Amino acid sequence: MLKATPTDLPEVLILEYEKYFEIRGESYSNFSIRELNEVGIKTDFVEENVYCPKKAGSLYGIHFQNNPMAQAKLLYCTKGSGLDFAIDLRRGSKTYRRWVCVELSADNRKQIYIPKGFGHAFLSLEDNTNVVMRIDNYFHQKYRRGIAWNDPDLNITFPIKKPILAQHDIEAPLLRDSDCNL
């Protein structure tokens, strides 16, 4: 059974599958289209990517794809832990520029569902963390966008001052200077 808990951004959900215990150990579902549909997620995922930051403090994001190739995402950790951030980038939204953070770990097995219209960032908390990201639209370089992780208008509270960043994250513009069309 799948439990879906809304966050402060109601469209962003924390997902938890029920565990079953028996003499051989535990078992649980990790992905079920039927159960996702039952909690209101009607997304057709087309691809799954695994990110494996070697060092704690590695930051991915803030990333998204512009319309018409925006993406919904479902993320969880299979090893280690990290903080996953969803940022509302929909200009007409009541929660525009607000964000939520969820700790994902191999131990807590929580997943986060981030619908289209939201930016995404992930900060590894442990060395050799593995995070899985399912997406409902393929990657398109032409529509790939990023926002500066330390944008003062977003005021995201990252628990780190100097994260490990890729060059495209270092060069990402502020939201006000971007061509975000979500």
N, C-alpha and C. Protein backbone atom coordinates (compact mmCIF):
# COMPACT_ATOMS: atom_id res chain seq x y z
N MET A 1 0.85 -1.18 0.00
CA MET A 1 0.00 0.00 0.00
C MET A 1 0.90 1.24 0.00
N LEU A 2 0.47 2.26 -0.72
CA LEU A 2 1.22 3.49 -0.87
C LEU A 2 0.55 4.61 -0.08
N LYS A 3 1.35 5.28 0.75
CA LYS A 3 0.87 6.44 1.51
C LYS A 3 1.45 7.68 0.83
N ALA A 4 0.59 8.65 0.52
CA ALA A 4 1.01 9.91 -0.08
C ALA A 4 0.71 11.04 0.90
N THR A 5 1.75 11.80 1.24
CA THR A 5 1.61 12.90 2.19
C THR A 5 1.92 14.21 1.46
N PRO A 6 0.95 15.14 1.43
CA PRO A 6 1.22 16.43 0.81
C PRO A 6 2.26 17.22 1.61
N THR A 7 2.99 18.07 0.93
CA THR A 7 3.95 18.96 1.57
C THR A 7 3.32 20.35 1.65
N ASP A 8 4.11 21.34 2.03
CA ASP A 8 3.61 22.72 2.04
C ASP A 8 3.29 23.22 0.63
N LEU A 9 3.82 22.54 -0.38
CA LEU A 9 3.43 22.77 -1.77
C LEU A 9 2.55 21.58 -2.13
N PRO A 10 1.22 21.73 -2.09
CA PRO A 10 0.30 20.59 -2.14
C PRO A 10 0.50 19.62 -3.32
N GLU A 11 1.03 20.11 -4.43
CA GLU A 11 1.23 19.24 -5.58
C GLU A 11 2.45 18.33 -5.41
N VAL A 12 3.36 18.71 -4.53
CA VAL A 12 4.56 17.93 -4.25
C VAL A 12 4.23 16.96 -3.14
N LEU A 13 4.44 15.67 -3.40
CA LEU A 13 4.03 14.63 -2.45
C LEU A 13 5.22 13.82 -1.96
N ILE A 14 5.15 13.41 -0.69
CA ILE A 14 6.08 12.44 -0.13
C ILE A 14 5.38 11.09 -0.21
N LEU A 15 6.05 10.12 -0.81
CA LEU A 15 5.47 8.79 -1.00
C LEU A 15 6.20 7.77 -0.15
N GLU A 16 5.42 6.88 0.49
CA GLU A 16 5.99 5.81 1.30
C GLU A 16 5.21 4.53 1.06
N TYR A 17 5.93 3.50 0.60
CA TYR A 17 5.33 2.18 0.39
C TYR A 17 5.40 1.39 1.69
N GLU A 18 4.36 0.61 1.93
CA GLU A 18 4.29 -0.21 3.13
C GLU A 18 5.31 -1.34 3.07
N LYS A 19 5.93 -1.65 4.22
CA LYS A 19 6.86 -2.78 4.34
C LYS A 19 6.10 -4.00 4.84
N TYR A 20 6.57 -5.16 4.41
CA TYR A 20 6.03 -6.43 4.89
C TYR A 20 7.17 -7.23 5.48
N PHE A 21 6.93 -7.82 6.67
CA PHE A 21 7.95 -8.60 7.33
C PHE A 21 7.50 -10.05 7.43
N GLU A 22 8.45 -10.94 7.25
CA GLU A 22 8.20 -12.36 7.45
C GLU A 22 9.52 -13.03 7.80
N ILE A 23 9.52 -14.29 7.96
CA ILE A 23 10.69 -15.02 8.46
C ILE A 23 11.95 -14.80 7.63
N ARG A 24 11.80 -14.60 6.33
CA ARG A 24 12.97 -14.41 5.45
C ARG A 24 13.49 -12.98 5.45
N GLY A 25 12.71 -12.05 5.97
CA GLY A 25 13.11 -10.64 5.97
C GLY A 25 11.97 -9.75 5.56
N GLU A 26 12.31 -8.58 5.08
CA GLU A 26 11.29 -7.62 4.68
C GLU A 26 11.18 -7.56 3.16
N SER A 27 10.02 -7.12 2.72
CA SER A 27 9.82 -6.86 1.29
C SER A 27 8.89 -5.66 1.18
N TYR A 28 8.99 -5.00 0.06
CA TYR A 28 8.15 -3.84 -0.18
C TYR A 28 8.15 -3.53 -1.66
N SER A 29 7.10 -2.88 -2.08
CA SER A 29 7.03 -2.37 -3.45
C SER A 29 7.83 -1.09 -3.49
N ASN A 30 8.39 -0.80 -4.64
CA ASN A 30 9.14 0.45 -4.81
C ASN A 30 8.53 1.30 -5.92
N PHE A 31 7.66 0.69 -6.72
CA PHE A 31 7.06 1.41 -7.84
C PHE A 31 5.83 0.65 -8.30
N SER A 32 4.69 1.32 -8.35
CA SER A 32 3.45 0.72 -8.81
C SER A 32 2.61 1.79 -9.49
N ILE A 33 2.42 1.65 -10.79
CA ILE A 33 1.57 2.60 -11.52
C ILE A 33 0.16 2.62 -10.92
N ARG A 34 -0.36 1.44 -10.60
CA ARG A 34 -1.72 1.37 -10.03
C ARG A 34 -1.80 2.18 -8.74
N GLU A 35 -0.84 1.99 -7.84
CA GLU A 35 -0.88 2.69 -6.56
C GLU A 35 -0.61 4.19 -6.74
N LEU A 36 0.26 4.55 -7.66
CA LEU A 36 0.46 5.98 -7.95
C LEU A 36 -0.84 6.60 -8.45
N ASN A 37 -1.53 5.92 -9.35
CA ASN A 37 -2.82 6.42 -9.85
C ASN A 37 -3.83 6.57 -8.72
N GLU A 38 -3.83 5.62 -7.78
CA GLU A 38 -4.78 5.66 -6.67
C GLU A 38 -4.56 6.88 -5.76
N VAL A 39 -3.34 7.39 -5.69
CA VAL A 39 -3.08 8.58 -4.86
C VAL A 39 -3.09 9.86 -5.70
N GLY A 40 -3.52 9.76 -6.97
CA GLY A 40 -3.69 10.93 -7.82
C GLY A 40 -2.55 11.26 -8.74
N ILE A 41 -1.52 10.43 -8.79
CA ILE A 41 -0.40 10.67 -9.70
C ILE A 41 -0.65 9.89 -10.97
N LYS A 42 -0.93 10.60 -12.05
CA LYS A 42 -1.27 9.97 -13.33
C LYS A 42 -0.16 10.24 -14.35
N THR A 43 1.05 10.05 -13.93
CA THR A 43 2.22 10.36 -14.75
C THR A 43 2.76 9.10 -15.41
N ASP A 44 3.08 9.20 -16.68
CA ASP A 44 3.71 8.09 -17.40
C ASP A 44 5.21 8.33 -17.45
N PHE A 45 5.94 7.63 -16.61
CA PHE A 45 7.39 7.79 -16.58
C PHE A 45 8.01 7.06 -17.76
N VAL A 46 8.99 7.70 -18.40
CA VAL A 46 9.60 7.14 -19.61
C VAL A 46 11.07 6.81 -19.44
N GLU A 47 11.67 7.30 -18.36
CA GLU A 47 13.11 7.09 -18.19
C GLU A 47 13.46 7.13 -16.72
N GLU A 48 14.51 6.39 -16.37
CA GLU A 48 15.02 6.40 -15.00
C GLU A 48 16.51 6.63 -15.05
N ASN A 49 16.98 7.61 -14.27
CA ASN A 49 18.40 7.94 -14.20
C ASN A 49 18.89 7.75 -12.77
N VAL A 50 20.15 7.36 -12.63
CA VAL A 50 20.75 7.20 -11.32
C VAL A 50 21.94 8.15 -11.22
N TYR A 51 21.95 8.95 -10.16
CA TYR A 51 23.05 9.87 -9.89
C TYR A 51 23.82 9.34 -8.68
N CYS A 52 25.14 9.36 -8.77
CA CYS A 52 25.99 8.76 -7.74
C CYS A 52 27.06 9.74 -7.27
N PRO A 53 26.67 10.77 -6.51
CA PRO A 53 27.69 11.70 -6.02
C PRO A 53 28.67 10.98 -5.10
N LYS A 54 29.95 11.19 -5.37
CA LYS A 54 30.99 10.52 -4.58
C LYS A 54 31.17 11.16 -3.21
N LYS A 55 30.93 12.46 -3.12
CA LYS A 55 31.21 13.18 -1.88
C LYS A 55 29.95 13.82 -1.29
N ALA A 56 29.86 13.78 0.02
CA ALA A 56 28.82 14.54 0.72
C ALA A 56 29.01 16.01 0.37
N GLY A 57 27.92 16.74 0.22
CA GLY A 57 28.00 18.15 -0.13
C GLY A 57 27.95 18.41 -1.62
N SER A 58 27.72 17.36 -2.41
CA SER A 58 27.54 17.55 -3.85
C SER A 58 26.11 18.03 -4.10
N LEU A 59 25.99 19.11 -4.87
CA LEU A 59 24.68 19.70 -5.13
C LEU A 59 24.36 19.65 -6.61
N TYR A 60 23.19 19.11 -6.93
CA TYR A 60 22.65 19.06 -8.28
C TYR A 60 21.50 20.05 -8.32
N GLY A 61 21.60 21.05 -9.17
CA GLY A 61 20.43 21.91 -9.34
C GLY A 61 20.71 23.32 -8.89
N ILE A 62 19.73 24.09 -9.17
CA ILE A 62 18.29 23.90 -9.39
C ILE A 62 18.05 23.67 -10.89
N HIS A 63 17.43 22.53 -11.24
CA HIS A 63 17.26 22.14 -12.64
C HIS A 63 15.78 22.00 -13.00
N PHE A 64 15.50 22.19 -14.29
CA PHE A 64 14.16 21.95 -14.85
C PHE A 64 14.29 22.00 -16.37
N GLN A 65 13.23 21.62 -17.04
CA GLN A 65 13.12 21.81 -18.49
C GLN A 65 11.97 22.76 -18.75
N ASN A 66 12.20 23.71 -19.64
CA ASN A 66 11.16 24.66 -20.03
C ASN A 66 10.06 23.96 -20.82
N ASN A 67 8.90 24.59 -20.88
CA ASN A 67 7.82 24.12 -21.75
C ASN A 67 8.24 24.24 -23.19
N PRO A 68 7.84 23.39 -24.08
CA PRO A 68 6.84 22.35 -23.91
C PRO A 68 7.41 21.01 -23.43
N MET A 69 8.63 20.97 -22.94
CA MET A 69 9.26 19.72 -22.54
C MET A 69 9.47 19.62 -21.03
N ALA A 70 8.63 20.31 -20.25
CA ALA A 70 8.72 20.25 -18.79
C ALA A 70 8.61 18.80 -18.33
N GLN A 71 9.14 18.52 -17.16
CA GLN A 71 9.18 17.15 -16.64
C GLN A 71 8.59 17.06 -15.24
N ALA A 72 7.85 15.98 -15.00
CA ALA A 72 7.51 15.55 -13.65
C ALA A 72 8.59 14.56 -13.24
N LYS A 73 8.88 14.51 -11.92
CA LYS A 73 9.97 13.67 -11.44
C LYS A 73 9.53 12.90 -10.19
N LEU A 74 10.09 11.72 -10.05
CA LEU A 74 9.90 10.89 -8.87
C LEU A 74 11.29 10.45 -8.43
N LEU A 75 11.68 10.77 -7.19
CA LEU A 75 13.04 10.52 -6.75
C LEU A 75 13.08 9.75 -5.44
N TYR A 76 14.15 8.94 -5.29
CA TYR A 76 14.40 8.22 -4.04
C TYR A 76 15.86 7.78 -4.00
N CYS A 77 16.35 7.50 -2.80
CA CYS A 77 17.74 7.05 -2.61
C CYS A 77 17.78 5.53 -2.47
N THR A 78 18.78 4.93 -3.09
CA THR A 78 19.01 3.49 -2.92
C THR A 78 20.25 3.24 -2.06
N LYS A 79 21.03 4.29 -1.84
CA LYS A 79 22.23 4.19 -1.01
C LYS A 79 22.52 5.58 -0.45
N GLY A 80 22.86 5.64 0.83
CA GLY A 80 23.19 6.93 1.42
C GLY A 80 21.96 7.79 1.67
N SER A 81 22.17 9.11 1.64
CA SER A 81 21.07 10.03 1.92
C SER A 81 21.34 11.40 1.31
N GLY A 82 20.27 12.16 1.22
CA GLY A 82 20.38 13.50 0.68
C GLY A 82 19.13 14.31 0.96
N LEU A 83 19.23 15.59 0.69
CA LEU A 83 18.09 16.48 0.80
C LEU A 83 17.61 16.81 -0.60
N ASP A 84 16.32 16.61 -0.82
CA ASP A 84 15.72 16.87 -2.11
C ASP A 84 14.84 18.10 -1.99
N PHE A 85 15.00 19.03 -2.93
CA PHE A 85 14.29 20.30 -2.89
C PHE A 85 13.40 20.42 -4.12
N ALA A 86 12.17 20.87 -3.91
CA ALA A 86 11.25 21.19 -5.01
C ALA A 86 10.91 22.67 -4.88
N ILE A 87 11.06 23.41 -5.99
CA ILE A 87 10.87 24.85 -5.99
C ILE A 87 9.79 25.21 -7.01
N ASP A 88 8.75 25.89 -6.58
CA ASP A 88 7.66 26.26 -7.47
C ASP A 88 8.12 27.39 -8.39
N LEU A 89 8.20 27.11 -9.69
CA LEU A 89 8.64 28.10 -10.69
C LEU A 89 7.49 28.54 -11.60
N ARG A 90 6.25 28.22 -11.22
CA ARG A 90 5.08 28.61 -12.02
C ARG A 90 4.68 30.04 -11.67
N ARG A 91 4.93 30.96 -12.59
CA ARG A 91 4.74 32.39 -12.31
C ARG A 91 3.33 32.75 -11.83
N GLY A 92 2.31 32.07 -12.28
CA GLY A 92 0.95 32.39 -11.86
C GLY A 92 0.50 31.68 -10.60
N SER A 93 1.35 30.91 -10.00
CA SER A 93 0.98 30.09 -8.85
C SER A 93 0.94 30.90 -7.55
N LYS A 94 0.05 30.51 -6.63
CA LYS A 94 -0.01 31.14 -5.31
C LYS A 94 1.24 30.83 -4.50
N THR A 95 1.95 29.77 -4.87
CA THR A 95 3.15 29.37 -4.11
C THR A 95 4.43 29.62 -4.92
N TYR A 96 4.35 30.52 -5.90
CA TYR A 96 5.51 30.85 -6.74
C TYR A 96 6.72 31.21 -5.88
N ARG A 97 7.85 30.61 -6.19
CA ARG A 97 9.14 30.80 -5.54
C ARG A 97 9.23 30.16 -4.15
N ARG A 98 8.19 29.50 -3.72
CA ARG A 98 8.29 28.77 -2.46
C ARG A 98 8.92 27.42 -2.73
N TRP A 99 9.48 26.81 -1.70
CA TRP A 99 10.17 25.54 -1.85
C TRP A 99 9.92 24.65 -0.64
N VAL A 100 10.12 23.36 -0.86
CA VAL A 100 10.06 22.37 0.21
C VAL A 100 11.30 21.49 0.12
N CYS A 101 11.64 20.90 1.24
CA CYS A 101 12.80 20.01 1.32
C CYS A 101 12.38 18.72 2.02
N VAL A 102 12.82 17.59 1.47
CA VAL A 102 12.53 16.28 2.04
C VAL A 102 13.83 15.50 2.11
N GLU A 103 14.09 14.88 3.26
CA GLU A 103 15.26 14.01 3.34
C GLU A 103 14.91 12.66 2.76
N LEU A 104 15.72 12.24 1.79
CA LEU A 104 15.57 10.93 1.18
C LEU A 104 16.76 10.09 1.61
N SER A 105 16.52 8.84 1.96
CA SER A 105 17.63 7.96 2.33
C SER A 105 17.28 6.52 2.01
N ALA A 106 18.32 5.71 1.92
CA ALA A 106 18.09 4.28 1.73
C ALA A 106 17.36 3.71 2.95
N ASP A 107 17.59 4.29 4.11
CA ASP A 107 16.94 3.80 5.33
C ASP A 107 15.47 4.20 5.42
N ASN A 108 15.14 5.45 5.12
CA ASN A 108 13.73 5.86 5.28
C ASN A 108 12.86 5.51 4.07
N ARG A 109 13.50 5.19 2.94
CA ARG A 109 12.82 4.76 1.71
C ARG A 109 11.75 5.74 1.23
N LYS A 110 11.80 6.99 1.67
CA LYS A 110 10.83 7.97 1.19
C LYS A 110 11.13 8.31 -0.26
N GLN A 111 10.07 8.66 -0.97
CA GLN A 111 10.17 9.14 -2.34
C GLN A 111 9.51 10.51 -2.39
N ILE A 112 9.91 11.32 -3.35
CA ILE A 112 9.26 12.61 -3.55
C ILE A 112 8.78 12.69 -4.99
N TYR A 113 7.54 13.12 -5.15
CA TYR A 113 6.96 13.35 -6.47
C TYR A 113 6.93 14.86 -6.69
N ILE A 114 7.57 15.29 -7.78
CA ILE A 114 7.65 16.70 -8.14
C ILE A 114 6.98 16.87 -9.51
N PRO A 115 5.83 17.54 -9.57
CA PRO A 115 5.15 17.69 -10.85
C PRO A 115 5.82 18.71 -11.76
N LYS A 116 5.33 18.78 -12.98
CA LYS A 116 5.82 19.78 -13.93
C LYS A 116 5.59 21.17 -13.35
N GLY A 117 6.49 22.08 -13.68
CA GLY A 117 6.37 23.45 -13.19
C GLY A 117 7.25 23.75 -11.99
N PHE A 118 8.00 22.75 -11.55
CA PHE A 118 8.83 22.91 -10.37
C PHE A 118 10.30 22.69 -10.73
N GLY A 119 11.17 23.47 -10.11
CA GLY A 119 12.59 23.21 -10.20
C GLY A 119 12.96 22.14 -9.19
N HIS A 120 14.12 21.56 -9.37
CA HIS A 120 14.56 20.47 -8.52
C HIS A 120 16.04 20.60 -8.18
N ALA A 121 16.38 20.31 -6.93
CA ALA A 121 17.77 20.28 -6.50
C ALA A 121 17.96 19.12 -5.53
N PHE A 122 19.16 18.54 -5.53
CA PHE A 122 19.48 17.44 -4.62
C PHE A 122 20.86 17.68 -4.03
N LEU A 123 20.96 17.59 -2.71
CA LEU A 123 22.22 17.74 -1.99
C LEU A 123 22.55 16.43 -1.28
N SER A 124 23.69 15.82 -1.62
CA SER A 124 24.08 14.58 -0.96
C SER A 124 24.56 14.88 0.46
N LEU A 125 24.13 14.04 1.39
CA LEU A 125 24.53 14.18 2.79
C LEU A 125 25.62 13.19 3.18
N GLU A 126 25.82 12.17 2.35
CA GLU A 126 26.82 11.14 2.63
C GLU A 126 27.65 10.89 1.38
N ASP A 127 28.88 10.45 1.59
CA ASP A 127 29.70 10.01 0.47
C ASP A 127 29.01 8.82 -0.20
N ASN A 128 29.21 8.67 -1.50
CA ASN A 128 28.74 7.52 -2.27
C ASN A 128 27.23 7.29 -2.17
N THR A 129 26.48 8.38 -2.23
CA THR A 129 25.02 8.30 -2.24
C THR A 129 24.55 7.98 -3.66
N ASN A 130 23.49 7.21 -3.75
CA ASN A 130 22.86 6.93 -5.04
C ASN A 130 21.42 7.41 -4.98
N VAL A 131 21.04 8.27 -5.92
CA VAL A 131 19.66 8.75 -6.00
C VAL A 131 19.12 8.40 -7.38
N VAL A 132 17.89 7.90 -7.37
CA VAL A 132 17.21 7.50 -8.60
C VAL A 132 16.17 8.57 -8.93
N MET A 133 16.12 8.95 -10.22
CA MET A 133 15.14 9.93 -10.67
C MET A 133 14.39 9.37 -11.87
N ARG A 134 13.09 9.20 -11.71
CA ARG A 134 12.22 8.83 -12.83
C ARG A 134 11.64 10.11 -13.40
N ILE A 135 11.57 10.19 -14.73
CA ILE A 135 11.04 11.38 -15.39
C ILE A 135 9.99 10.97 -16.42
N ASP A 136 9.08 11.90 -16.69
CA ASP A 136 7.99 11.61 -17.62
C ASP A 136 8.20 12.20 -19.00
N ASN A 137 9.36 12.81 -19.22
CA ASN A 137 9.68 13.38 -20.52
C ASN A 137 11.19 13.27 -20.69
N TYR A 138 11.62 12.90 -21.86
CA TYR A 138 13.04 12.72 -22.10
C TYR A 138 13.80 14.04 -21.99
N PHE A 139 15.09 13.94 -21.70
CA PHE A 139 15.98 15.08 -21.63
C PHE A 139 16.11 15.72 -23.01
N HIS A 140 15.97 17.03 -23.07
CA HIS A 140 16.14 17.79 -24.30
C HIS A 140 17.07 18.96 -23.99
N GLN A 141 18.25 18.93 -24.54
CA GLN A 141 19.25 19.97 -24.29
C GLN A 141 18.70 21.38 -24.57
N LYS A 142 17.91 21.51 -25.62
CA LYS A 142 17.36 22.81 -26.01
C LYS A 142 16.49 23.43 -24.90
N TYR A 143 15.85 22.59 -24.09
CA TYR A 143 14.92 23.08 -23.07
C TYR A 143 15.50 23.00 -21.65
N ARG A 144 16.70 22.48 -21.52
CA ARG A 144 17.36 22.35 -20.22
C ARG A 144 17.64 23.74 -19.65
N ARG A 145 17.30 23.91 -18.37
CA ARG A 145 17.53 25.18 -17.70
C ARG A 145 17.99 24.93 -16.27
N GLY A 146 18.59 25.97 -15.71
CA GLY A 146 19.01 25.94 -14.32
C GLY A 146 18.85 27.32 -13.71
N ILE A 147 18.75 27.34 -12.42
CA ILE A 147 18.68 28.57 -11.64
C ILE A 147 19.80 28.49 -10.61
N ALA A 148 20.41 29.61 -10.30
CA ALA A 148 21.48 29.65 -9.31
C ALA A 148 21.00 29.06 -7.98
N TRP A 149 21.79 28.16 -7.45
CA TRP A 149 21.41 27.46 -6.22
C TRP A 149 21.27 28.43 -5.04
N ASN A 150 21.97 29.54 -5.09
CA ASN A 150 21.95 30.51 -3.99
C ASN A 150 21.20 31.79 -4.35
N ASP A 151 20.21 31.68 -5.23
CA ASP A 151 19.40 32.83 -5.65
C ASP A 151 18.75 33.46 -4.41
N PRO A 152 19.04 34.74 -4.12
CA PRO A 152 18.48 35.36 -2.90
C PRO A 152 16.97 35.50 -2.94
N ASP A 153 16.37 35.56 -4.13
CA ASP A 153 14.91 35.66 -4.21
C ASP A 153 14.22 34.35 -3.84
N LEU A 154 14.92 33.24 -3.96
CA LEU A 154 14.36 31.95 -3.55
C LEU A 154 14.66 31.67 -2.08
N ASN A 155 15.80 32.17 -1.60
CA ASN A 155 16.17 32.07 -0.20
C ASN A 155 16.09 30.62 0.31
N ILE A 156 16.64 29.69 -0.46
CA ILE A 156 16.64 28.29 -0.05
C ILE A 156 17.70 28.09 1.03
N THR A 157 17.32 27.40 2.08
CA THR A 157 18.21 27.15 3.19
C THR A 157 18.95 25.83 2.97
N PHE A 158 20.07 25.91 2.28
CA PHE A 158 20.93 24.74 2.12
C PHE A 158 21.84 24.68 3.34
N PRO A 159 22.04 23.50 3.92
CA PRO A 159 22.87 23.40 5.12
C PRO A 159 24.37 23.35 4.80
N ILE A 160 24.78 24.09 3.80
CA ILE A 160 26.17 24.07 3.36
C ILE A 160 26.47 25.42 2.71
N LYS A 161 27.67 25.91 2.91
CA LYS A 161 28.05 27.21 2.33
C LYS A 161 28.77 27.06 1.00
N LYS A 162 29.55 25.99 0.84
CA LYS A 162 30.34 25.79 -0.38
C LYS A 162 30.11 24.38 -0.91
N PRO A 163 28.99 24.17 -1.60
CA PRO A 163 28.72 22.84 -2.15
C PRO A 163 29.65 22.52 -3.32
N ILE A 164 29.74 21.25 -3.62
CA ILE A 164 30.45 20.78 -4.82
C ILE A 164 29.46 20.93 -5.98
N LEU A 165 29.85 21.72 -6.99
CA LEU A 165 28.93 22.06 -8.08
C LEU A 165 29.54 21.75 -9.44
N ALA A 166 28.70 21.38 -10.38
CA ALA A 166 29.10 21.26 -11.79
C ALA A 166 29.22 22.68 -12.36
N GLN A 167 29.97 22.81 -13.44
CA GLN A 167 30.17 24.13 -14.05
C GLN A 167 28.85 24.77 -14.47
N HIS A 168 27.92 23.99 -15.02
CA HIS A 168 26.65 24.59 -15.45
C HIS A 168 25.83 25.10 -14.25
N ASP A 169 26.02 24.53 -13.06
CA ASP A 169 25.35 25.05 -11.88
C ASP A 169 26.03 26.32 -11.36
N ILE A 170 27.34 26.38 -11.49
CA ILE A 170 28.08 27.59 -11.11
C ILE A 170 27.65 28.77 -11.99
N GLU A 171 27.41 28.51 -13.27
CA GLU A 171 27.07 29.56 -14.23
C GLU A 171 25.56 29.82 -14.35
N ALA A 172 24.73 29.11 -13.62
CA ALA A 172 23.28 29.26 -13.74
C ALA A 172 22.84 30.66 -13.34
N PRO A 173 21.87 31.23 -14.06
CA PRO A 173 21.41 32.60 -13.76
C PRO A 173 20.47 32.63 -12.56
N LEU A 174 20.23 33.82 -12.06
CA LEU A 174 19.18 34.02 -11.07
C LEU A 174 17.83 33.82 -11.77
N LEU A 175 16.82 33.49 -11.02
CA LEU A 175 15.49 33.29 -11.60
C LEU A 175 15.03 34.52 -12.36
N ARG A 176 15.24 35.69 -11.81
CA ARG A 176 14.77 36.94 -12.47
C ARG A 176 15.48 37.20 -13.79
N ASP A 177 16.65 36.60 -13.99
CA ASP A 177 17.40 36.78 -15.23
C ASP A 177 17.25 35.60 -16.19
N SER A 178 16.45 34.63 -15.80
CA SER A 178 16.29 33.42 -16.63
C SER A 178 15.11 33.57 -17.58
N ASP A 179 15.03 32.63 -18.51
CA ASP A 179 13.88 32.60 -19.44
C ASP A 179 12.90 31.50 -19.05
N CYS A 180 12.82 31.21 -17.75
CA CYS A 180 11.90 30.19 -17.25
C CYS A 180 10.48 30.49 -17.72
N ASN A 181 9.83 29.48 -18.34
CA ASN A 181 8.46 29.70 -18.86
C ASN A 181 7.46 28.70 -18.28
N LEU A 182 7.71 28.23 -17.07
CA LEU A 182 6.83 27.22 -16.47
C LEU A 182 5.56 27.82 -15.91
